[in-house]
Amino acid sequence: MELPAGWAVAELGDLLREPLRNGHSARITTEPDGIRTLSLTAVTLNDFSEKYTKVTCADPERVDDLWLKPGDILIQRSNTPDLVGTSAIYKGRENWAIYPDLLIRLRLNSCITPEFAALMLSSKTVRDYLKAHAKGLAGSMPKIDQSTIASVKMPVPPLAEQHRIVETLEDHLSRLDVAGRELATAQKKIKSFRKSILLSLVPESIPSSWEMSTVGEAGSVGLGRQRHPDWHHGPEMHPYLRVANVFEDRIDTSDVMEMDFSGVFDRYRLEPGDVLLNEGQSPHLVGRPALYRGTPSNVAFTNSLLRFQARPDVMPEWALMVFRRHLHARRFMREVRITTNIAHLSAKRLKPIEFPIPPLEEQKRRVQSCDELMSYADAMERVLQRNLVRAKHLRRSILELAFNGRLVPQDPADEPASVLLNRIRAEREAQGGKAKRGTRRPRKAAEAVPPPAPASTPSPATAVQQELPL
């Protein structure tokens, strides 16, 4: 791409004041004179407070050059696929903490400001490049080597323009951050709204015209069939639902498995109107219910689920509301038993749980009210989700404009970046040294990440749409 006048392109390894350095591997200690080491979470959250450090037992002489200074950039060289390559500027105290082996430290020369470099490293172009070149065995955390980081190509504007870009970006991105927090708050309010709907329509204290029954008296409760390797193949293969298919008021049919139900299928076959509840789950999700409405057809269920079949004067939809109310009120959590970190709600412990039963017409009225109110909540949630996606795309567009030289105007009076790069290169040659890349260059120069491509349509250099309708 054609860069604006005064800009240059350089590999990240040539913009370093000191070589790239991996962190230190040290064991955790409780000794009071240990050395404080950052955790990966500090970089993930860009939070360098004491709560994201660990005291480690390390040799002070070995870590002497690993102390952190404000302005250092830290990159996660190993983590989950989504987080590998995440970077952040260290904003803690000087010589207060070192960094672990899973981080790489960058100290930049005077050609580029840490703030501009950090924003560039957080762009989609660079993150995608780092993820694509991370290496690792299947099932393991991918790792990025120093040569990959050193080969990242960085657009380098004049220093004065870097400061203007950072100032403008921080203003735009801070507004997006505020909007994102407001959207997240609105999502929490919708969650609370859903809970209030269920608690109000299924009250704890019932009118005198209602019957206070139990789950076992309001219908029948049964446990699904246990899975077994011998039943992976057989003459009567049928699909079955398991805990991974049952969400609150929703059955996910994208991953339905099969097994042999020879001679027992009718016993475990689901009928429209059956309510399924998670028998085994994490404590706050155990008992999560959904109503089977006939899709998929001819399907059974396993012993990771409980089935409730309502008696004639109890609507299945009303039973679903009662169970959802118990889920959000954490009523099921009082009955669970935990084994190997999994909470279990047995049929024996489910049956005595209270089950209010209003007259049938009142059930119909409350079910209809619940459906209407929940549909409002669904509509609001869809609007919020669209705006979260828009905010993400807007952030990406703003960064793209910045690194293409189209976010702020250029000033012909600025010293070109190439002049500064040549001056630093000449100073190093005069000292008899080369650029401190910290590692060898990649064998294939063509693999180096290119500067971000220009947007498909021109955008104003100084105006970025910020408004997100809430």
Protein backbone atom coordinates (compact mmCIF):
# COMPACT_ATOMS: atom_id res chain seq x y z
CA MET A 1 0.00 0.00 0.00
CA GLU A 2 1.07 3.59 -0.48
CA LEU A 3 1.84 5.25 2.83
CA PRO A 4 1.34 8.95 3.52
CA ALA A 5 4.27 11.29 2.99
CA GLY A 6 6.74 11.10 5.84
CA TRP A 7 5.79 7.56 6.88
CA ALA A 8 8.07 4.52 6.73
CA VAL A 9 7.76 0.77 7.30
CA ALA A 10 10.12 -1.15 9.56
CA GLU A 11 10.21 -4.58 11.09
CA LEU A 12 9.53 -4.57 14.79
CA GLY A 13 12.92 -6.13 15.48
CA ASP A 14 14.60 -3.04 14.00
CA LEU A 15 12.67 -0.71 16.32
CA LEU A 16 14.07 -2.19 19.52
CA ARG A 17 16.42 -0.46 21.91
CA GLU A 18 17.23 -3.76 23.61
CA PRO A 19 16.97 -7.36 22.38
CA LEU A 20 13.72 -9.28 22.77
CA ARG A 21 13.75 -11.19 26.03
CA ASN A 22 11.69 -14.08 27.32
CA GLY A 23 10.76 -13.86 30.98
CA HIS A 24 11.94 -15.95 33.90
CA SER A 25 10.79 -19.38 35.06
CA ALA A 26 10.65 -19.38 38.83
CA ARG A 27 8.78 -21.42 41.39
CA ILE A 28 6.13 -19.90 43.64
CA THR A 29 7.21 -19.25 47.21
CA THR A 30 5.73 -17.97 50.44
CA GLU A 31 9.00 -16.42 51.57
CA PRO A 32 8.60 -12.70 52.35
CA ASP A 33 11.79 -11.79 50.47
CA GLY A 34 10.68 -13.38 47.20
CA ILE A 35 10.60 -11.48 43.90
CA ARG A 36 7.28 -10.24 42.58
CA THR A 37 6.40 -11.61 39.13
CA LEU A 38 3.53 -10.54 36.88
CA SER A 39 0.92 -13.07 35.84
CA LEU A 40 -0.44 -13.49 32.32
CA THR A 41 -3.73 -12.09 33.57
CA ALA A 42 -2.06 -8.72 34.15
CA VAL A 43 -1.40 -8.43 30.41
CA THR A 44 -4.77 -9.88 29.42
CA LEU A 45 -6.63 -7.31 31.53
CA ASN A 46 -4.02 -4.55 31.18
CA ASP A 47 -4.00 -4.35 34.98
CA PHE A 48 -0.61 -4.24 36.68
CA SER A 49 -1.83 -4.00 40.25
CA GLU A 50 -0.46 -6.21 42.99
CA LYS A 51 -3.41 -8.65 42.78
CA TYR A 52 -2.09 -9.89 39.43
CA THR A 53 1.40 -10.69 40.65
CA LYS A 54 2.92 -13.71 42.38
CA VAL A 55 5.86 -13.90 44.76
CA THR A 56 8.44 -16.24 43.26
CA CYS A 57 11.71 -17.74 44.36
CA ALA A 58 14.23 -16.48 41.84
CA ASP A 59 17.96 -15.79 41.74
CA PRO A 60 18.34 -11.98 41.84
CA GLU A 61 21.46 -12.16 39.64
CA ARG A 62 19.59 -14.08 36.92
CA VAL A 63 16.68 -11.66 36.83
CA ASP A 64 18.68 -8.46 37.02
CA ASP A 65 17.87 -7.54 33.41
CA LEU A 66 14.23 -8.66 33.65
CA TRP A 67 12.98 -5.87 35.87
CA LEU A 68 10.16 -3.94 34.23
CA LYS A 69 10.06 -0.24 33.50
CA PRO A 70 7.08 1.92 32.54
CA GLY A 71 6.75 1.92 28.76
CA ASP A 72 7.86 -1.71 28.33
CA ILE A 73 5.52 -3.67 26.08
CA LEU A 74 4.72 -7.23 27.09
CA ILE A 75 3.45 -9.84 24.61
CA GLN A 76 1.97 -13.20 25.57
CA ARG A 77 4.08 -15.67 23.66
CA SER A 78 1.98 -18.60 24.85
CA ASN A 79 -1.66 -18.86 25.91
CA THR A 80 -4.99 -20.11 24.61
CA PRO A 81 -5.60 -19.59 20.85
CA ASP A 82 -7.76 -16.53 21.53
CA LEU A 83 -5.25 -14.85 23.85
CA VAL A 84 -1.87 -15.76 22.39
CA GLY A 85 -0.19 -12.58 21.13
CA THR A 86 -2.13 -10.28 23.47
CA SER A 87 -0.01 -7.28 24.44
CA ALA A 88 -0.09 -4.36 26.87
CA ILE A 89 2.12 -1.49 28.03
CA TYR A 90 3.54 -1.98 31.50
CA LYS A 91 2.22 0.85 33.68
CA GLY A 92 3.49 -0.29 37.04
CA ARG A 93 6.37 0.97 39.12
CA GLU A 94 9.95 0.85 37.86
CA ASN A 95 11.99 -2.17 38.98
CA TRP A 96 9.01 -3.46 40.99
CA ALA A 97 8.31 -6.75 39.23
CA ILE A 98 9.76 -9.11 36.67
CA TYR A 99 7.83 -10.98 33.99
CA PRO A 100 7.31 -14.75 33.58
CA ASP A 101 8.64 -17.02 30.88
CA LEU A 102 5.35 -16.93 28.94
CA LEU A 103 5.81 -13.20 28.24
CA ILE A 104 8.23 -11.41 25.92
CA ARG A 105 9.38 -7.87 26.67
CA LEU A 106 9.84 -5.15 24.06
CA ARG A 107 11.84 -1.99 24.71
CA LEU A 108 11.57 0.37 21.77
CA ASN A 109 14.00 2.92 20.44
CA SER A 110 13.15 6.58 19.88
CA CYS A 111 11.65 5.98 16.41
CA ILE A 112 8.32 4.86 17.81
CA THR A 113 6.38 5.63 20.95
CA PRO A 114 5.28 2.72 23.17
CA GLU A 115 1.69 3.97 23.06
CA PHE A 116 1.57 3.92 19.25
CA ALA A 117 3.30 0.54 19.07
CA ALA A 118 0.95 -0.97 21.64
CA LEU A 119 -2.10 0.18 19.69
CA MET A 120 -0.64 -1.22 16.49
CA LEU A 121 0.11 -4.56 18.19
CA SER A 122 -3.53 -4.74 19.33
CA SER A 123 -4.86 -4.27 15.78
CA LYS A 124 -6.56 -7.15 14.00
CA THR A 125 -3.88 -7.28 11.33
CA VAL A 126 -1.07 -7.96 13.79
CA ARG A 127 -3.14 -10.22 16.06
CA ASP A 128 -4.18 -12.37 13.09
CA TYR A 129 -0.56 -12.58 11.94
CA LEU A 130 0.68 -13.68 15.36
CA LYS A 131 -2.11 -16.25 15.76
CA ALA A 132 -1.44 -17.66 12.28
CA HIS A 133 2.25 -18.14 13.08
CA ALA A 134 1.78 -19.56 16.59
CA LYS A 135 3.00 -23.13 16.82
CA GLY A 136 1.92 -25.99 19.03
CA LEU A 137 0.63 -29.52 19.12
CA ALA A 138 -3.09 -30.19 18.98
CA GLY A 139 -4.62 -29.68 22.40
CA SER A 140 -1.68 -27.64 23.68
CA MET A 141 -1.30 -23.90 24.11
CA PRO A 142 0.15 -22.35 20.93
CA LYS A 143 3.45 -20.49 21.21
CA ILE A 144 4.97 -17.56 19.32
CA ASP A 145 8.74 -17.45 18.89
CA GLN A 146 10.88 -14.33 18.96
CA SER A 147 11.54 -14.39 15.21
CA THR A 148 7.80 -14.13 14.51
CA ILE A 149 7.46 -11.08 16.76
CA ALA A 150 10.59 -9.47 15.32
CA SER A 151 9.27 -9.92 11.75
CA VAL A 152 6.05 -7.96 12.31
CA LYS A 153 6.07 -4.99 9.96
CA MET A 154 5.10 -1.72 11.58
CA PRO A 155 4.02 1.49 9.84
CA VAL A 156 6.08 4.28 11.39
CA PRO A 157 4.67 7.80 11.10
CA PRO A 158 6.70 10.87 12.08
CA LEU A 159 6.99 11.12 15.85
CA ALA A 160 4.81 14.22 16.07
CA GLU A 161 2.08 12.46 14.09
CA GLN A 162 2.34 9.39 16.32
CA HIS A 163 1.46 11.58 19.29
CA ARG A 164 -1.50 13.07 17.40
CA ILE A 165 -2.73 9.61 16.39
CA VAL A 166 -2.46 8.26 19.93
CA GLU A 167 -4.28 11.26 21.38
CA THR A 168 -7.11 10.96 18.86
CA LEU A 169 -7.32 7.19 19.19
CA GLU A 170 -7.47 7.33 22.97
CA ASP A 171 -10.34 9.81 22.75
CA HIS A 172 -12.31 7.66 20.28
CA LEU A 173 -11.56 4.35 22.01
CA SER A 174 -12.40 5.71 25.44
CA ARG A 175 -15.83 6.68 24.11
CA LEU A 176 -16.27 3.17 22.75
CA ASP A 177 -15.17 1.73 26.10
CA VAL A 178 -17.81 3.81 27.88
CA ALA A 179 -20.45 2.64 25.40
CA GLY A 180 -19.31 -0.96 25.88
CA ARG A 181 -19.64 -0.70 29.65
CA GLU A 182 -23.11 0.77 29.30
CA LEU A 183 -24.13 -2.06 26.97
CA ALA A 184 -22.74 -4.62 29.42
CA THR A 185 -24.69 -2.96 32.24
CA ALA A 186 -27.84 -3.08 30.13
CA GLN A 187 -27.30 -6.81 29.53
CA LYS A 188 -27.11 -7.40 33.28
CA LYS A 189 -30.33 -5.45 33.75
CA ILE A 190 -32.07 -7.63 31.16
CA LYS A 191 -30.88 -10.71 33.03
CA SER A 192 -32.32 -9.27 36.25
CA PHE A 193 -35.53 -8.42 34.39
CA ARG A 194 -35.93 -12.05 33.30
CA LYS A 195 -35.45 -13.22 36.86
CA SER A 196 -37.99 -10.72 38.19
CA ILE A 197 -40.56 -11.95 35.65
CA LEU A 198 -40.29 -15.50 36.92
CA LEU A 199 -40.23 -14.56 40.60
CA SER A 200 -43.33 -12.39 40.24
CA LEU A 201 -45.37 -14.83 38.13
CA VAL A 202 -44.40 -17.82 40.30
CA PRO A 203 -44.56 -16.27 43.79
CA GLU A 204 -43.17 -17.85 46.92
CA SER A 205 -46.35 -17.05 48.87
CA ILE A 206 -49.34 -18.33 46.92
CA PRO A 207 -53.02 -17.28 46.98
CA SER A 208 -55.50 -19.46 48.85
CA SER A 209 -57.02 -20.67 45.57
CA TRP A 210 -53.72 -22.32 44.61
CA GLU A 211 -52.44 -25.73 45.64
CA MET A 212 -48.95 -26.01 47.13
CA SER A 213 -47.80 -29.39 45.93
CA THR A 214 -44.42 -31.02 45.34
CA VAL A 215 -42.64 -31.91 42.12
CA GLY A 216 -43.29 -35.59 42.76
CA GLU A 217 -47.02 -35.00 43.31
CA ALA A 218 -47.41 -32.63 40.34
CA GLY A 219 -46.13 -35.23 37.90
CA SER A 220 -43.72 -38.10 37.41
CA VAL A 221 -39.94 -37.81 37.51
CA GLY A 222 -37.62 -40.21 35.70
CA LEU A 223 -33.92 -40.54 34.96
CA GLY A 224 -32.59 -41.22 31.48
CA ARG A 225 -30.60 -44.21 30.29
CA GLN A 226 -26.97 -44.56 31.24
CA ARG A 227 -24.49 -44.47 28.39
CA HIS A 228 -22.24 -47.46 27.83
CA PRO A 229 -19.56 -48.31 25.20
CA ASP A 230 -21.42 -51.54 24.34
CA TRP A 231 -24.34 -49.46 23.05
CA HIS A 232 -22.36 -47.30 20.61
CA HIS A 233 -23.46 -49.69 17.88
CA GLY A 234 -26.49 -51.97 17.63
CA PRO A 235 -29.68 -52.88 15.76
CA GLU A 236 -31.89 -50.12 17.27
CA MET A 237 -29.88 -46.92 17.03
CA HIS A 238 -31.78 -43.81 18.10
CA PRO A 239 -30.80 -40.20 18.81
CA TYR A 240 -30.70 -39.07 22.42
CA LEU A 241 -30.44 -35.80 24.29
CA ARG A 242 -27.84 -35.21 26.98
CA VAL A 243 -26.92 -32.35 29.28
CA ALA A 244 -24.99 -30.61 26.47
CA ASN A 245 -28.24 -30.26 24.52
CA VAL A 246 -30.44 -28.77 27.24
CA PHE A 247 -30.22 -25.04 27.96
CA GLU A 248 -32.70 -22.81 29.73
CA ASP A 249 -35.93 -22.87 27.71
CA ARG A 250 -33.97 -24.12 24.69
CA ILE A 251 -32.89 -27.46 23.28
CA ASP A 252 -29.81 -27.35 21.04
CA THR A 253 -30.11 -29.95 18.28
CA SER A 254 -26.83 -29.14 16.50
CA ASP A 255 -24.97 -32.02 18.19
CA VAL A 256 -27.32 -34.93 18.85
CA MET A 257 -25.67 -38.32 19.37
CA GLU A 258 -27.03 -41.85 18.92
CA MET A 259 -26.82 -45.17 20.72
CA ASP A 260 -28.51 -48.57 20.72
CA PHE A 261 -31.84 -48.70 22.60
CA SER A 262 -32.69 -52.32 21.80
CA GLY A 263 -35.77 -53.37 23.77
CA VAL A 264 -35.88 -50.18 25.94
CA PHE A 265 -36.54 -47.29 23.57
CA ASP A 266 -40.18 -46.83 24.55
CA ARG A 267 -39.14 -46.41 28.18
CA TYR A 268 -36.82 -43.49 27.38
CA ARG A 269 -38.60 -42.02 24.39
CA LEU A 270 -39.49 -38.34 24.84
CA GLU A 271 -43.01 -37.04 24.27
CA PRO A 272 -43.94 -33.42 23.44
CA GLY A 273 -44.58 -31.67 26.74
CA ASP A 274 -41.84 -33.45 28.67
CA VAL A 275 -39.68 -31.07 30.70
CA LEU A 276 -35.99 -31.96 30.82
CA LEU A 277 -33.73 -30.79 33.66
CA ASN A 278 -29.95 -31.03 33.94
CA GLU A 279 -29.18 -33.71 36.53
CA GLY A 280 -25.46 -33.03 36.55
CA GLN A 281 -23.99 -29.57 36.01
CA SER A 282 -22.05 -26.81 37.70
CA PRO A 283 -23.85 -25.83 40.94
CA HIS A 284 -25.51 -22.66 39.61
CA LEU A 285 -26.77 -24.42 36.45
CA VAL A 286 -27.96 -27.73 37.88
CA GLY A 287 -31.68 -28.15 37.22
CA ARG A 288 -31.56 -25.97 34.10
CA PRO A 289 -34.86 -26.81 32.34
CA ALA A 290 -36.18 -26.91 28.79
CA LEU A 291 -39.46 -28.07 27.28
CA TYR A 292 -39.32 -30.80 24.64
CA ARG A 293 -41.69 -29.75 21.87
CA GLY A 294 -41.22 -32.70 19.52
CA THR A 295 -37.94 -31.74 17.80
CA PRO A 296 -36.00 -33.81 17.03
CA SER A 297 -38.55 -36.58 16.70
CA ASN A 298 -38.16 -40.12 18.04
CA VAL A 299 -35.47 -39.10 20.49
CA ALA A 300 -34.56 -40.49 23.92
CA PHE A 301 -32.58 -39.04 26.84
CA THR A 302 -29.67 -40.13 29.03
CA ASN A 303 -29.12 -40.20 32.78
CA SER A 304 -27.46 -36.77 32.69
CA LEU A 305 -31.05 -35.48 32.45
CA LEU A 306 -34.21 -35.79 34.50
CA ARG A 307 -37.62 -35.93 32.82
CA PHE A 308 -40.73 -34.40 34.37
CA GLN A 309 -44.12 -35.38 32.94
CA ALA A 310 -46.92 -33.18 34.31
CA ARG A 311 -50.22 -34.55 35.54
CA PRO A 312 -53.37 -33.56 33.55
CA ASP A 313 -54.20 -30.40 35.52
CA VAL A 314 -50.66 -29.01 35.19
CA MET A 315 -49.61 -27.33 31.94
CA PRO A 316 -46.10 -28.34 30.78
CA GLU A 317 -45.42 -24.64 30.10
CA TRP A 318 -46.36 -23.83 33.71
CA ALA A 319 -44.05 -26.58 34.95
CA LEU A 320 -41.25 -25.03 32.88
CA MET A 321 -41.92 -21.65 34.53
CA VAL A 322 -41.78 -23.21 38.01
CA PHE A 323 -38.48 -24.92 37.28
CA ARG A 324 -37.00 -21.76 35.74
CA ARG A 325 -38.08 -19.86 38.84
CA HIS A 326 -36.35 -22.42 41.08
CA LEU A 327 -33.21 -22.20 38.92
CA HIS A 328 -32.94 -18.41 39.23
CA ALA A 329 -33.92 -18.41 42.91
CA ARG A 330 -31.15 -21.03 43.45
CA ARG A 331 -33.67 -23.39 44.97
CA PHE A 332 -32.09 -26.38 43.24
CA MET A 333 -28.68 -25.52 44.67
CA ARG A 334 -29.98 -26.30 48.16
CA GLU A 335 -30.66 -29.88 47.12
CA VAL A 336 -27.55 -30.79 45.14
CA ARG A 337 -24.73 -33.10 46.04
CA ILE A 338 -21.30 -32.36 44.57
CA THR A 339 -18.95 -35.07 43.32
CA THR A 340 -15.69 -34.31 41.47
CA ASN A 341 -16.72 -30.66 41.03
CA ILE A 342 -20.05 -31.62 39.38
CA ALA A 343 -23.33 -30.91 41.18
CA HIS A 344 -26.01 -33.60 40.96
CA LEU A 345 -29.76 -33.22 41.45
CA SER A 346 -31.14 -36.71 41.93
CA ALA A 347 -34.76 -37.63 41.26
CA LYS A 348 -35.11 -38.46 44.95
CA ARG A 349 -34.08 -34.92 45.96
CA LEU A 350 -36.08 -33.24 43.18
CA LYS A 351 -39.44 -34.83 44.06
CA PRO A 352 -39.96 -33.13 47.48
CA ILE A 353 -39.27 -29.61 46.14
CA GLU A 354 -42.32 -27.35 46.37
CA PHE A 355 -44.45 -26.95 43.25
CA PRO A 356 -47.26 -24.34 43.30
CA ILE A 357 -50.29 -25.17 41.15
CA PRO A 358 -52.82 -22.43 40.33
CA PRO A 359 -56.16 -23.18 38.65
CA LEU A 360 -55.75 -24.14 35.01
CA GLU A 361 -57.08 -20.82 33.66
CA GLU A 362 -54.66 -18.93 35.90
CA GLN A 363 -51.83 -21.11 34.61
CA LYS A 364 -52.74 -20.17 31.03
CA ARG A 365 -52.89 -16.47 31.87
CA ARG A 366 -49.53 -16.47 33.61
CA VAL A 367 -47.86 -18.53 30.90
CA GLN A 368 -49.08 -16.03 28.29
CA SER A 369 -47.83 -13.08 30.37
CA CYS A 370 -44.46 -14.76 30.79
CA ASP A 371 -44.16 -15.38 27.03
CA GLU A 372 -44.97 -11.74 26.24
CA LEU A 373 -42.56 -10.29 28.79
CA MET A 374 -39.76 -12.68 27.83
CA SER A 375 -40.25 -11.74 24.17
CA TYR A 376 -39.66 -8.09 25.14
CA ALA A 377 -36.47 -9.12 26.92
CA ASP A 378 -35.38 -11.12 23.85
CA ALA A 379 -35.94 -8.12 21.58
CA MET A 380 -33.93 -5.83 23.86
CA GLU A 381 -31.14 -8.35 24.05
CA ARG A 382 -30.96 -8.62 20.26
CA VAL A 383 -30.63 -4.83 19.99
CA LEU A 384 -27.84 -4.82 22.57
CA GLN A 385 -26.02 -7.65 20.82
CA ARG A 386 -26.18 -5.82 17.47
CA ASN A 387 -24.71 -2.72 19.09
CA LEU A 388 -21.92 -4.73 20.70
CA VAL A 389 -21.03 -6.09 17.26
CA ARG A 390 -21.18 -2.58 15.79
CA ALA A 391 -18.89 -1.29 18.53
CA LYS A 392 -16.40 -4.05 17.77
CA HIS A 393 -16.44 -3.25 14.05
CA LEU A 394 -16.17 0.48 14.74
CA ARG A 395 -13.10 -0.09 16.91
CA ARG A 396 -11.51 -2.10 14.14
CA SER A 397 -12.29 0.60 11.57
CA ILE A 398 -10.84 3.35 13.75
CA LEU A 399 -7.58 1.44 14.20
CA GLU A 400 -7.42 0.76 10.47
CA LEU A 401 -7.82 4.46 9.70
CA ALA A 402 -5.11 5.32 12.20
CA PHE A 403 -2.52 2.92 10.80
CA ASN A 404 -3.27 3.90 7.21
CA GLY A 405 -2.57 7.55 7.96
CA ARG A 406 -6.19 8.63 7.52
CA LEU A 407 -7.26 9.38 11.10
CA VAL A 408 -5.41 12.66 11.60
CA PRO A 409 -4.02 15.13 9.03
CA GLN A 410 -0.34 15.06 8.09
CA ASP A 411 1.89 18.05 8.80
CA PRO A 412 4.59 18.70 6.16
CA ALA A 413 6.73 20.29 8.89
CA ASP A 414 7.06 16.95 10.74
CA GLU A 415 10.43 15.24 10.45
CA PRO A 416 9.93 12.17 8.20
CA ALA A 417 10.20 8.83 9.97
CA SER A 418 12.80 7.66 7.44
CA VAL A 419 15.16 10.44 8.55
CA LEU A 420 14.94 9.33 12.17
CA LEU A 421 15.35 5.66 11.22
CA ASN A 422 18.42 6.45 9.11
CA ARG A 423 19.92 8.53 11.91
CA ILE A 424 19.51 5.73 14.47
CA ARG A 425 20.91 3.22 11.98
CA ALA A 426 23.92 5.43 11.33
CA GLU A 427 24.55 5.86 15.06
CA ARG A 428 24.54 2.10 15.54
CA GLU A 429 26.92 1.57 12.62
CA ALA A 430 29.22 4.23 14.03
CA GLN A 431 29.27 2.30 17.29
CA GLY A 432 30.15 -0.85 15.38
CA GLY A 433 26.86 -2.62 16.07
CA LYS A 434 23.71 -3.62 14.27
CA ALA A 435 20.07 -3.25 15.17
CA LYS A 436 19.32 -5.17 18.32
CA ARG A 437 16.75 -7.56 16.94
CA GLY A 438 17.23 -10.10 19.71
CA THR A 439 16.79 -12.97 17.25
CA ARG A 440 17.52 -13.98 13.70
CA ARG A 441 15.25 -12.94 10.86
CA PRO A 442 12.62 -15.38 9.61
CA ARG A 443 13.73 -17.43 6.62
CA LYS A 444 10.78 -16.32 4.52
CA ALA A 445 10.61 -12.57 4.40
CA ALA A 446 7.38 -12.82 2.44
CA GLU A 447 5.64 -14.11 5.56
CA ALA A 448 6.11 -10.83 7.40
CA VAL A 449 2.84 -9.15 8.16
CA PRO A 450 2.02 -6.28 5.78
CA PRO A 451 0.74 -2.93 6.97
CA PRO A 452 -3.07 -2.82 7.21
CA ALA A 453 -4.81 -2.51 3.86
CA PRO A 454 -6.73 0.69 3.17
CA ALA A 455 -10.47 0.69 3.72
CA SER A 456 -12.63 -0.03 0.68
CA THR A 457 -14.17 3.41 0.73
CA PRO A 458 -12.53 6.70 1.66
CA SER A 459 -13.35 8.03 5.11
CA PRO A 460 -12.93 11.53 6.48
CA ALA A 461 -9.58 11.97 8.15
CA THR A 462 -10.84 13.68 11.25
CA ALA A 463 -14.41 12.48 11.75
CA VAL A 464 -15.41 9.08 13.15
CA GLN A 465 -19.00 8.12 13.89
CA GLN A 466 -19.30 7.45 17.63
CA GLU A 467 -22.98 7.26 18.38
CA LEU A 468 -24.38 3.88 19.43
CA PRO A 469 -28.16 3.89 19.85
CA LEU A 470 -29.10 2.24 23.13
